[in-house]
Amino acid sequence: MIVVSNTTPLIGLATIQRFDVLHCLFGEIHIAQAVYDEAVVTGRETGGAKREVSEAPWIKVVQVQDRLAVDVLLDELDLGEAETIVLARELQADWVLMDERKGRRKLTQLGLNKIGTIGILLQAKQQGLIANLGHELEQPQQHGFSISQSVINAVLQQINE
């Protein structure tokens, strides 16, 4: 399985100390150079994600080849999102990890499978990697991530929690 990730799921899961579920669920994860730069080099985040992303041997930084495609997407998306989408197409990714609405819309237009941080946590719960999804979904909000309560309620209702 080929998985490409954008920055936000990496930072979100590292922030709530659930970075390990990425490796458990997906094995190797590919990230574009812009994503690495956002998470490790220029990112404002000082804690977990910087260390986790730079030290994880199962995260592979890959250079995007089609710079023209990236430039076209920059009209709608930021550099990390654009490189993630182009890299996913180049690698023929099975899954793209992305939370941003505009990026997810573009992935849908291109027919690429996507999953966000909440979906990753849901899968982790379903596979027995986490015990209490409600607690896990509260954590990102406490760290400044924007997740609507209606989305949280819908996910918890789906698993009867």
N, C-alpha and C. Protein backbone atom coordinates (compact mmCIF):
# COMPACT_ATOMS: atom_id res chain seq x y z
N MET A 1 0.85 -1.18 0.00
CA MET A 1 0.00 0.00 0.00
C MET A 1 0.89 1.24 0.00
N ILE A 2 0.56 2.18 -0.87
CA ILE A 2 1.32 3.43 -0.94
C ILE A 2 0.48 4.54 -0.32
N VAL A 3 1.07 5.22 0.67
CA VAL A 3 0.38 6.28 1.41
C VAL A 3 1.23 7.54 1.35
N VAL A 4 0.57 8.66 1.03
CA VAL A 4 1.23 9.97 0.99
C VAL A 4 0.52 10.86 2.00
N SER A 5 1.27 11.61 2.80
CA SER A 5 0.66 12.45 3.82
C SER A 5 0.98 13.92 3.63
N ASN A 6 0.00 14.74 3.95
CA ASN A 6 0.18 16.17 4.07
C ASN A 6 0.62 16.45 5.52
N THR A 7 0.87 17.68 5.84
CA THR A 7 1.45 18.06 7.12
C THR A 7 0.49 17.93 8.30
N THR A 8 -0.74 18.37 8.16
CA THR A 8 -1.65 18.47 9.30
C THR A 8 -1.88 17.15 10.03
N PRO A 9 -2.13 16.03 9.34
CA PRO A 9 -2.30 14.78 10.09
C PRO A 9 -1.04 14.40 10.88
N LEU A 10 0.12 14.68 10.34
CA LEU A 10 1.37 14.38 11.04
C LEU A 10 1.47 15.20 12.32
N ILE A 11 1.23 16.50 12.20
CA ILE A 11 1.32 17.39 13.37
C ILE A 11 0.22 17.05 14.37
N GLY A 12 -1.00 16.85 13.87
CA GLY A 12 -2.12 16.57 14.77
C GLY A 12 -1.89 15.32 15.60
N LEU A 13 -1.47 14.24 14.95
CA LEU A 13 -1.26 12.99 15.67
C LEU A 13 -0.04 13.05 16.59
N ALA A 14 0.99 13.76 16.19
CA ALA A 14 2.15 13.92 17.07
C ALA A 14 1.77 14.75 18.30
N THR A 15 0.95 15.77 18.10
CA THR A 15 0.55 16.65 19.19
C THR A 15 -0.21 15.90 20.27
N ILE A 16 -1.03 14.95 19.87
CA ILE A 16 -1.82 14.18 20.86
C ILE A 16 -1.11 12.86 21.21
N GLN A 17 0.13 12.75 20.82
CA GLN A 17 0.97 11.59 21.13
C GLN A 17 0.39 10.29 20.59
N ARG A 18 -0.13 10.37 19.36
CA ARG A 18 -0.65 9.19 18.66
C ARG A 18 0.01 9.02 17.30
N PHE A 19 1.22 9.54 17.15
CA PHE A 19 1.96 9.45 15.90
C PHE A 19 2.17 7.98 15.49
N ASP A 20 2.30 7.12 16.49
CA ASP A 20 2.57 5.70 16.25
C ASP A 20 1.47 5.01 15.46
N VAL A 21 0.23 5.50 15.55
CA VAL A 21 -0.85 4.82 14.82
C VAL A 21 -0.64 4.91 13.31
N LEU A 22 0.05 5.94 12.85
CA LEU A 22 0.33 6.04 11.41
C LEU A 22 1.13 4.83 10.93
N HIS A 23 2.17 4.51 11.65
CA HIS A 23 3.00 3.37 11.26
C HIS A 23 2.24 2.06 11.41
N CYS A 24 1.48 1.94 12.48
CA CYS A 24 0.70 0.71 12.71
C CYS A 24 -0.33 0.49 11.61
N LEU A 25 -0.98 1.55 11.17
CA LEU A 25 -2.04 1.42 10.16
C LEU A 25 -1.51 1.34 8.74
N PHE A 26 -0.47 2.12 8.44
CA PHE A 26 -0.07 2.29 7.04
C PHE A 26 1.33 1.80 6.71
N GLY A 27 2.14 1.49 7.70
CA GLY A 27 3.52 1.10 7.41
C GLY A 27 4.32 2.31 6.98
N GLU A 28 4.87 2.24 5.78
CA GLU A 28 5.68 3.34 5.25
C GLU A 28 4.78 4.47 4.74
N ILE A 29 5.19 5.71 5.02
CA ILE A 29 4.45 6.88 4.55
C ILE A 29 5.41 7.78 3.78
N HIS A 30 4.94 8.25 2.63
CA HIS A 30 5.73 9.15 1.80
C HIS A 30 5.26 10.58 2.02
N ILE A 31 6.21 11.48 2.10
CA ILE A 31 5.87 12.91 2.19
C ILE A 31 6.71 13.69 1.20
N ALA A 32 6.13 14.75 0.68
CA ALA A 32 6.85 15.64 -0.23
C ALA A 32 7.81 16.51 0.57
N GLN A 33 8.80 17.06 -0.10
CA GLN A 33 9.78 17.91 0.56
C GLN A 33 9.11 19.09 1.25
N ALA A 34 8.10 19.69 0.64
CA ALA A 34 7.41 20.83 1.25
C ALA A 34 6.74 20.44 2.57
N VAL A 35 6.23 19.22 2.65
CA VAL A 35 5.61 18.73 3.88
C VAL A 35 6.68 18.56 4.95
N TYR A 36 7.80 17.97 4.58
CA TYR A 36 8.92 17.83 5.53
C TYR A 36 9.34 19.20 6.03
N ASP A 37 9.48 20.15 5.11
CA ASP A 37 9.89 21.50 5.49
C ASP A 37 8.89 22.13 6.45
N GLU A 38 7.59 21.98 6.18
CA GLU A 38 6.56 22.54 7.05
C GLU A 38 6.60 21.92 8.44
N ALA A 39 6.80 20.63 8.50
CA ALA A 39 6.76 19.92 9.78
C ALA A 39 8.07 20.04 10.57
N VAL A 40 9.20 20.10 9.86
CA VAL A 40 10.48 19.99 10.55
C VAL A 40 11.33 21.26 10.44
N VAL A 41 11.46 21.82 9.25
CA VAL A 41 12.42 22.90 9.03
C VAL A 41 11.87 24.26 9.41
N THR A 42 10.75 24.65 8.78
CA THR A 42 10.23 26.01 8.99
C THR A 42 9.02 26.06 9.89
N GLY A 43 8.51 24.91 10.28
CA GLY A 43 7.28 24.87 11.07
C GLY A 43 7.41 25.55 12.41
N ARG A 44 6.32 26.14 12.85
CA ARG A 44 6.29 26.82 14.15
C ARG A 44 6.14 25.83 15.29
N GLU A 45 5.71 24.62 14.96
CA GLU A 45 5.47 23.61 15.98
C GLU A 45 6.82 23.16 16.55
N THR A 46 6.95 23.25 17.86
CA THR A 46 8.25 22.99 18.46
C THR A 46 8.36 21.61 19.10
N GLY A 47 7.25 20.94 19.28
CA GLY A 47 7.26 19.69 20.02
C GLY A 47 7.35 18.47 19.15
N GLY A 48 6.39 17.59 19.36
CA GLY A 48 6.41 16.24 18.83
C GLY A 48 6.61 16.07 17.35
N ALA A 49 5.90 16.82 16.52
CA ALA A 49 5.94 16.56 15.08
C ALA A 49 7.33 16.75 14.50
N LYS A 50 8.01 17.77 14.90
CA LYS A 50 9.35 18.03 14.37
C LYS A 50 10.25 16.82 14.63
N ARG A 51 10.25 16.35 15.84
CA ARG A 51 11.08 15.20 16.22
C ARG A 51 10.56 13.92 15.57
N GLU A 52 9.25 13.69 15.66
CA GLU A 52 8.67 12.45 15.15
C GLU A 52 8.91 12.29 13.65
N VAL A 53 8.64 13.35 12.89
CA VAL A 53 8.79 13.27 11.44
C VAL A 53 10.25 13.10 11.05
N SER A 54 11.14 13.83 11.70
CA SER A 54 12.56 13.76 11.32
C SER A 54 13.21 12.45 11.73
N GLU A 55 12.68 11.80 12.79
CA GLU A 55 13.33 10.59 13.30
C GLU A 55 12.67 9.29 12.85
N ALA A 56 11.47 9.35 12.30
CA ALA A 56 10.77 8.12 11.91
C ALA A 56 11.39 7.50 10.66
N PRO A 57 11.96 6.30 10.78
CA PRO A 57 12.57 5.67 9.61
C PRO A 57 11.55 5.22 8.57
N TRP A 58 10.29 5.18 8.95
CA TRP A 58 9.24 4.74 8.05
C TRP A 58 8.59 5.89 7.28
N ILE A 59 9.08 7.10 7.51
CA ILE A 59 8.63 8.25 6.71
C ILE A 59 9.70 8.54 5.67
N LYS A 60 9.29 8.53 4.42
CA LYS A 60 10.22 8.72 3.31
C LYS A 60 9.93 10.06 2.62
N VAL A 61 10.93 10.92 2.57
CA VAL A 61 10.79 12.21 1.88
C VAL A 61 11.10 11.97 0.41
N VAL A 62 10.16 12.40 -0.44
CA VAL A 62 10.28 12.17 -1.88
C VAL A 62 10.17 13.51 -2.61
N GLN A 63 11.04 13.72 -3.56
CA GLN A 63 11.00 14.94 -4.37
C GLN A 63 9.92 14.80 -5.45
N VAL A 64 9.06 15.79 -5.55
CA VAL A 64 8.04 15.82 -6.59
C VAL A 64 8.73 16.12 -7.92
N GLN A 65 8.35 15.39 -8.96
CA GLN A 65 8.97 15.57 -10.27
C GLN A 65 8.26 16.63 -11.12
N ASP A 66 6.95 16.65 -11.11
CA ASP A 66 6.17 17.52 -11.99
C ASP A 66 5.95 18.89 -11.34
N ARG A 67 6.94 19.75 -11.47
CA ARG A 67 6.88 21.08 -10.84
C ARG A 67 5.78 21.95 -11.49
N LEU A 68 5.51 21.74 -12.77
CA LEU A 68 4.46 22.50 -13.44
C LEU A 68 3.10 22.19 -12.81
N ALA A 69 2.83 20.94 -12.52
CA ALA A 69 1.57 20.56 -11.87
C ALA A 69 1.47 21.20 -10.49
N VAL A 70 2.57 21.25 -9.77
CA VAL A 70 2.58 21.91 -8.46
C VAL A 70 2.24 23.38 -8.63
N ASP A 71 2.89 24.03 -9.59
CA ASP A 71 2.65 25.46 -9.82
C ASP A 71 1.18 25.74 -10.15
N VAL A 72 0.56 24.87 -10.94
CA VAL A 72 -0.85 25.05 -11.30
C VAL A 72 -1.72 24.96 -10.04
N LEU A 73 -1.43 24.01 -9.17
CA LEU A 73 -2.23 23.84 -7.95
C LEU A 73 -2.02 24.96 -6.94
N LEU A 74 -0.92 25.69 -7.07
CA LEU A 74 -0.65 26.78 -6.12
C LEU A 74 -1.66 27.92 -6.24
N ASP A 75 -2.43 27.95 -7.33
CA ASP A 75 -3.49 28.95 -7.45
C ASP A 75 -4.58 28.71 -6.41
N GLU A 76 -4.75 27.43 -5.99
CA GLU A 76 -5.83 27.07 -5.06
C GLU A 76 -5.33 26.60 -3.70
N LEU A 77 -4.13 26.07 -3.63
CA LEU A 77 -3.65 25.38 -2.44
C LEU A 77 -2.30 25.92 -1.98
N ASP A 78 -1.91 25.58 -0.75
CA ASP A 78 -0.57 25.96 -0.32
C ASP A 78 0.44 24.95 -0.87
N LEU A 79 1.72 25.23 -0.69
CA LEU A 79 2.77 24.41 -1.30
C LEU A 79 2.73 22.97 -0.80
N GLY A 80 2.54 22.77 0.50
CA GLY A 80 2.50 21.41 1.04
C GLY A 80 1.37 20.59 0.45
N GLU A 81 0.19 21.19 0.38
CA GLU A 81 -0.97 20.49 -0.19
C GLU A 81 -0.73 20.18 -1.67
N ALA A 82 -0.23 21.17 -2.41
CA ALA A 82 0.01 20.98 -3.84
C ALA A 82 1.02 19.86 -4.08
N GLU A 83 2.13 19.89 -3.36
CA GLU A 83 3.14 18.84 -3.54
C GLU A 83 2.61 17.48 -3.11
N THR A 84 1.80 17.44 -2.06
CA THR A 84 1.22 16.18 -1.60
C THR A 84 0.35 15.56 -2.69
N ILE A 85 -0.48 16.37 -3.30
CA ILE A 85 -1.39 15.86 -4.34
C ILE A 85 -0.61 15.40 -5.57
N VAL A 86 0.36 16.18 -6.00
CA VAL A 86 1.15 15.79 -7.17
C VAL A 86 1.95 14.52 -6.86
N LEU A 87 2.54 14.44 -5.67
CA LEU A 87 3.30 13.25 -5.29
C LEU A 87 2.38 12.02 -5.26
N ALA A 88 1.18 12.19 -4.73
CA ALA A 88 0.22 11.07 -4.68
C ALA A 88 -0.08 10.56 -6.09
N ARG A 89 -0.22 11.46 -7.03
CA ARG A 89 -0.47 11.05 -8.42
C ARG A 89 0.77 10.37 -9.00
N GLU A 90 1.94 10.94 -8.74
CA GLU A 90 3.17 10.36 -9.28
C GLU A 90 3.43 8.95 -8.74
N LEU A 91 3.14 8.74 -7.48
CA LEU A 91 3.38 7.44 -6.85
C LEU A 91 2.20 6.48 -7.00
N GLN A 92 1.09 7.00 -7.57
CA GLN A 92 -0.15 6.23 -7.67
C GLN A 92 -0.56 5.72 -6.28
N ALA A 93 -0.65 6.67 -5.37
CA ALA A 93 -0.93 6.37 -3.96
C ALA A 93 -2.30 5.72 -3.79
N ASP A 94 -2.36 4.80 -2.85
CA ASP A 94 -3.63 4.18 -2.47
C ASP A 94 -4.42 5.10 -1.55
N TRP A 95 -3.70 5.85 -0.70
CA TRP A 95 -4.34 6.76 0.25
C TRP A 95 -3.53 8.04 0.37
N VAL A 96 -4.26 9.15 0.57
CA VAL A 96 -3.65 10.44 0.86
C VAL A 96 -4.19 10.91 2.20
N LEU A 97 -3.30 11.23 3.12
CA LEU A 97 -3.68 11.73 4.44
C LEU A 97 -3.74 13.25 4.37
N MET A 98 -4.95 13.81 4.51
CA MET A 98 -5.11 15.25 4.39
C MET A 98 -6.37 15.70 5.12
N ASP A 99 -6.26 16.82 5.82
CA ASP A 99 -7.39 17.39 6.55
C ASP A 99 -7.98 18.62 5.86
N GLU A 100 -7.19 19.39 5.18
CA GLU A 100 -7.64 20.67 4.63
C GLU A 100 -8.74 20.50 3.59
N ARG A 101 -9.78 21.28 3.76
CA ARG A 101 -10.98 21.16 2.91
C ARG A 101 -10.68 21.33 1.43
N LYS A 102 -9.93 22.38 1.07
CA LYS A 102 -9.65 22.61 -0.36
C LYS A 102 -8.84 21.47 -0.96
N GLY A 103 -7.88 20.98 -0.21
CA GLY A 103 -7.07 19.87 -0.68
C GLY A 103 -7.89 18.60 -0.84
N ARG A 104 -8.79 18.36 0.11
CA ARG A 104 -9.65 17.17 0.04
C ARG A 104 -10.59 17.25 -1.17
N ARG A 105 -11.07 18.45 -1.46
CA ARG A 105 -11.92 18.64 -2.64
C ARG A 105 -11.15 18.30 -3.92
N LYS A 106 -9.91 18.76 -3.98
CA LYS A 106 -9.08 18.48 -5.16
C LYS A 106 -8.81 16.99 -5.28
N LEU A 107 -8.56 16.31 -4.17
CA LEU A 107 -8.33 14.87 -4.19
C LEU A 107 -9.56 14.14 -4.73
N THR A 108 -10.74 14.59 -4.31
CA THR A 108 -11.99 14.00 -4.81
C THR A 108 -12.10 14.20 -6.32
N GLN A 109 -11.81 15.42 -6.79
CA GLN A 109 -11.86 15.70 -8.23
C GLN A 109 -10.93 14.79 -9.01
N LEU A 110 -9.79 14.47 -8.42
CA LEU A 110 -8.79 13.64 -9.10
C LEU A 110 -9.00 12.15 -8.88
N GLY A 111 -10.00 11.81 -8.08
CA GLY A 111 -10.30 10.39 -7.84
C GLY A 111 -9.32 9.69 -6.92
N LEU A 112 -8.66 10.46 -6.04
CA LEU A 112 -7.70 9.88 -5.10
C LEU A 112 -8.37 9.63 -3.75
N ASN A 113 -8.11 8.48 -3.14
CA ASN A 113 -8.66 8.16 -1.83
C ASN A 113 -8.01 9.03 -0.76
N LYS A 114 -8.83 9.53 0.15
CA LYS A 114 -8.32 10.42 1.19
C LYS A 114 -8.84 9.99 2.55
N ILE A 115 -8.07 10.31 3.56
CA ILE A 115 -8.48 10.10 4.93
C ILE A 115 -7.80 11.18 5.77
N GLY A 116 -8.55 11.71 6.72
CA GLY A 116 -8.02 12.76 7.58
C GLY A 116 -7.69 12.23 8.97
N THR A 117 -7.30 13.14 9.83
CA THR A 117 -6.90 12.77 11.18
C THR A 117 -8.01 12.03 11.93
N ILE A 118 -9.24 12.51 11.82
CA ILE A 118 -10.34 11.84 12.51
C ILE A 118 -10.55 10.43 11.95
N GLY A 119 -10.49 10.30 10.65
CA GLY A 119 -10.63 8.98 10.04
C GLY A 119 -9.51 8.03 10.45
N ILE A 120 -8.32 8.55 10.60
CA ILE A 120 -7.18 7.74 11.04
C ILE A 120 -7.42 7.26 12.47
N LEU A 121 -7.89 8.17 13.33
CA LEU A 121 -8.18 7.78 14.72
C LEU A 121 -9.32 6.76 14.77
N LEU A 122 -10.30 6.92 13.90
CA LEU A 122 -11.41 5.97 13.84
C LEU A 122 -10.90 4.58 13.43
N GLN A 123 -10.04 4.54 12.42
CA GLN A 123 -9.46 3.26 12.01
C GLN A 123 -8.64 2.64 13.14
N ALA A 124 -7.90 3.48 13.85
CA ALA A 124 -7.09 2.98 14.97
C ALA A 124 -7.98 2.38 16.05
N LYS A 125 -9.11 3.01 16.31
CA LYS A 125 -10.07 2.49 17.28
C LYS A 125 -10.62 1.14 16.80
N GLN A 126 -11.01 1.08 15.54
CA GLN A 126 -11.60 -0.13 14.98
C GLN A 126 -10.60 -1.30 14.97
N GLN A 127 -9.32 -0.98 14.91
CA GLN A 127 -8.30 -2.03 14.90
C GLN A 127 -7.73 -2.29 16.30
N GLY A 128 -8.32 -1.66 17.31
CA GLY A 128 -7.91 -1.92 18.68
C GLY A 128 -6.64 -1.23 19.12
N LEU A 129 -6.20 -0.22 18.37
CA LEU A 129 -4.98 0.49 18.72
C LEU A 129 -5.21 1.57 19.78
N ILE A 130 -6.45 2.04 19.89
CA ILE A 130 -6.81 2.99 20.94
C ILE A 130 -8.10 2.51 21.58
N ALA A 131 -8.22 2.81 22.87
CA ALA A 131 -9.36 2.30 23.63
C ALA A 131 -10.56 3.24 23.60
N ASN A 132 -10.33 4.53 23.76
CA ASN A 132 -11.44 5.49 23.91
C ASN A 132 -11.31 6.59 22.86
N LEU A 133 -12.11 6.50 21.82
CA LEU A 133 -12.02 7.47 20.73
C LEU A 133 -12.48 8.85 21.17
N GLY A 134 -13.48 8.92 22.04
CA GLY A 134 -13.95 10.22 22.52
C GLY A 134 -12.84 11.03 23.15
N HIS A 135 -12.06 10.38 23.98
CA HIS A 135 -10.92 11.06 24.63
C HIS A 135 -9.92 11.54 23.57
N GLU A 136 -9.64 10.69 22.60
CA GLU A 136 -8.67 11.04 21.55
C GLU A 136 -9.15 12.22 20.71
N LEU A 137 -10.46 12.29 20.45
CA LEU A 137 -10.99 13.38 19.63
C LEU A 137 -11.04 14.71 20.37
N GLU A 138 -11.04 14.68 21.69
CA GLU A 138 -10.99 15.91 22.47
C GLU A 138 -9.60 16.53 22.46
N GLN A 139 -8.58 15.69 22.35
CA GLN A 139 -7.20 16.16 22.44
C GLN A 139 -6.83 17.21 21.39
N PRO A 140 -7.13 16.98 20.10
CA PRO A 140 -6.74 18.00 19.11
C PRO A 140 -7.37 19.37 19.41
N GLN A 141 -8.62 19.39 19.85
CA GLN A 141 -9.28 20.65 20.16
C GLN A 141 -8.54 21.38 21.28
N GLN A 142 -8.07 20.64 22.26
CA GLN A 142 -7.36 21.25 23.38
C GLN A 142 -6.02 21.83 22.96
N HIS A 143 -5.53 21.41 21.80
CA HIS A 143 -4.25 21.92 21.29
C HIS A 143 -4.45 22.89 20.13
N GLY A 144 -5.67 23.41 19.97
CA GLY A 144 -5.91 24.45 18.98
C GLY A 144 -6.33 23.98 17.60
N PHE A 145 -6.54 22.68 17.40
CA PHE A 145 -7.00 22.20 16.10
C PHE A 145 -8.50 22.40 16.01
N SER A 146 -8.96 22.78 14.85
CA SER A 146 -10.38 23.06 14.64
C SER A 146 -11.10 21.80 14.17
N ILE A 147 -11.90 21.23 15.07
CA ILE A 147 -12.75 20.09 14.73
C ILE A 147 -14.13 20.41 15.25
N SER A 148 -15.12 20.38 14.38
CA SER A 148 -16.47 20.74 14.82
C SER A 148 -17.04 19.66 15.74
N GLN A 149 -17.78 20.11 16.72
CA GLN A 149 -18.39 19.18 17.67
C GLN A 149 -19.39 18.26 16.97
N SER A 150 -20.04 18.76 15.92
CA SER A 150 -20.99 17.91 15.20
C SER A 150 -20.27 16.75 14.51
N VAL A 151 -19.06 16.98 14.01
CA VAL A 151 -18.29 15.91 13.38
C VAL A 151 -17.88 14.89 14.44
N ILE A 152 -17.41 15.38 15.58
CA ILE A 152 -17.03 14.48 16.68
C ILE A 152 -18.22 13.64 17.12
N ASN A 153 -19.37 14.29 17.30
CA ASN A 153 -20.58 13.57 17.73
C ASN A 153 -20.98 12.50 16.71
N ALA A 154 -20.89 12.84 15.42
CA ALA A 154 -21.27 11.89 14.37
C ALA A 154 -20.35 10.68 14.38
N VAL A 155 -19.05 10.90 14.56
CA VAL A 155 -18.09 9.80 14.59
C VAL A 155 -18.34 8.91 15.81
N LEU A 156 -18.56 9.54 16.97
CA LEU A 156 -18.78 8.77 18.19
C LEU A 156 -20.09 7.98 18.11
N GLN A 157 -21.10 8.57 17.48
CA GLN A 157 -22.37 7.87 17.31
C GLN A 157 -22.18 6.66 16.38
N GLN A 158 -21.36 6.83 15.36
CA GLN A 158 -21.11 5.76 14.40
C GLN A 158 -20.53 4.51 15.09
N ILE A 159 -19.73 4.71 16.15
CA ILE A 159 -19.12 3.56 16.82
C ILE A 159 -19.76 3.29 18.17
N ASN A 160 -20.91 3.94 18.42
CA ASN A 160 -21.67 3.75 19.67
C ASN A 160 -20.82 4.05 20.91
N GLU A 161 -20.10 5.14 20.86
CA GLU A 161 -19.27 5.51 22.03
C GLU A 161 -19.81 6.79 22.65
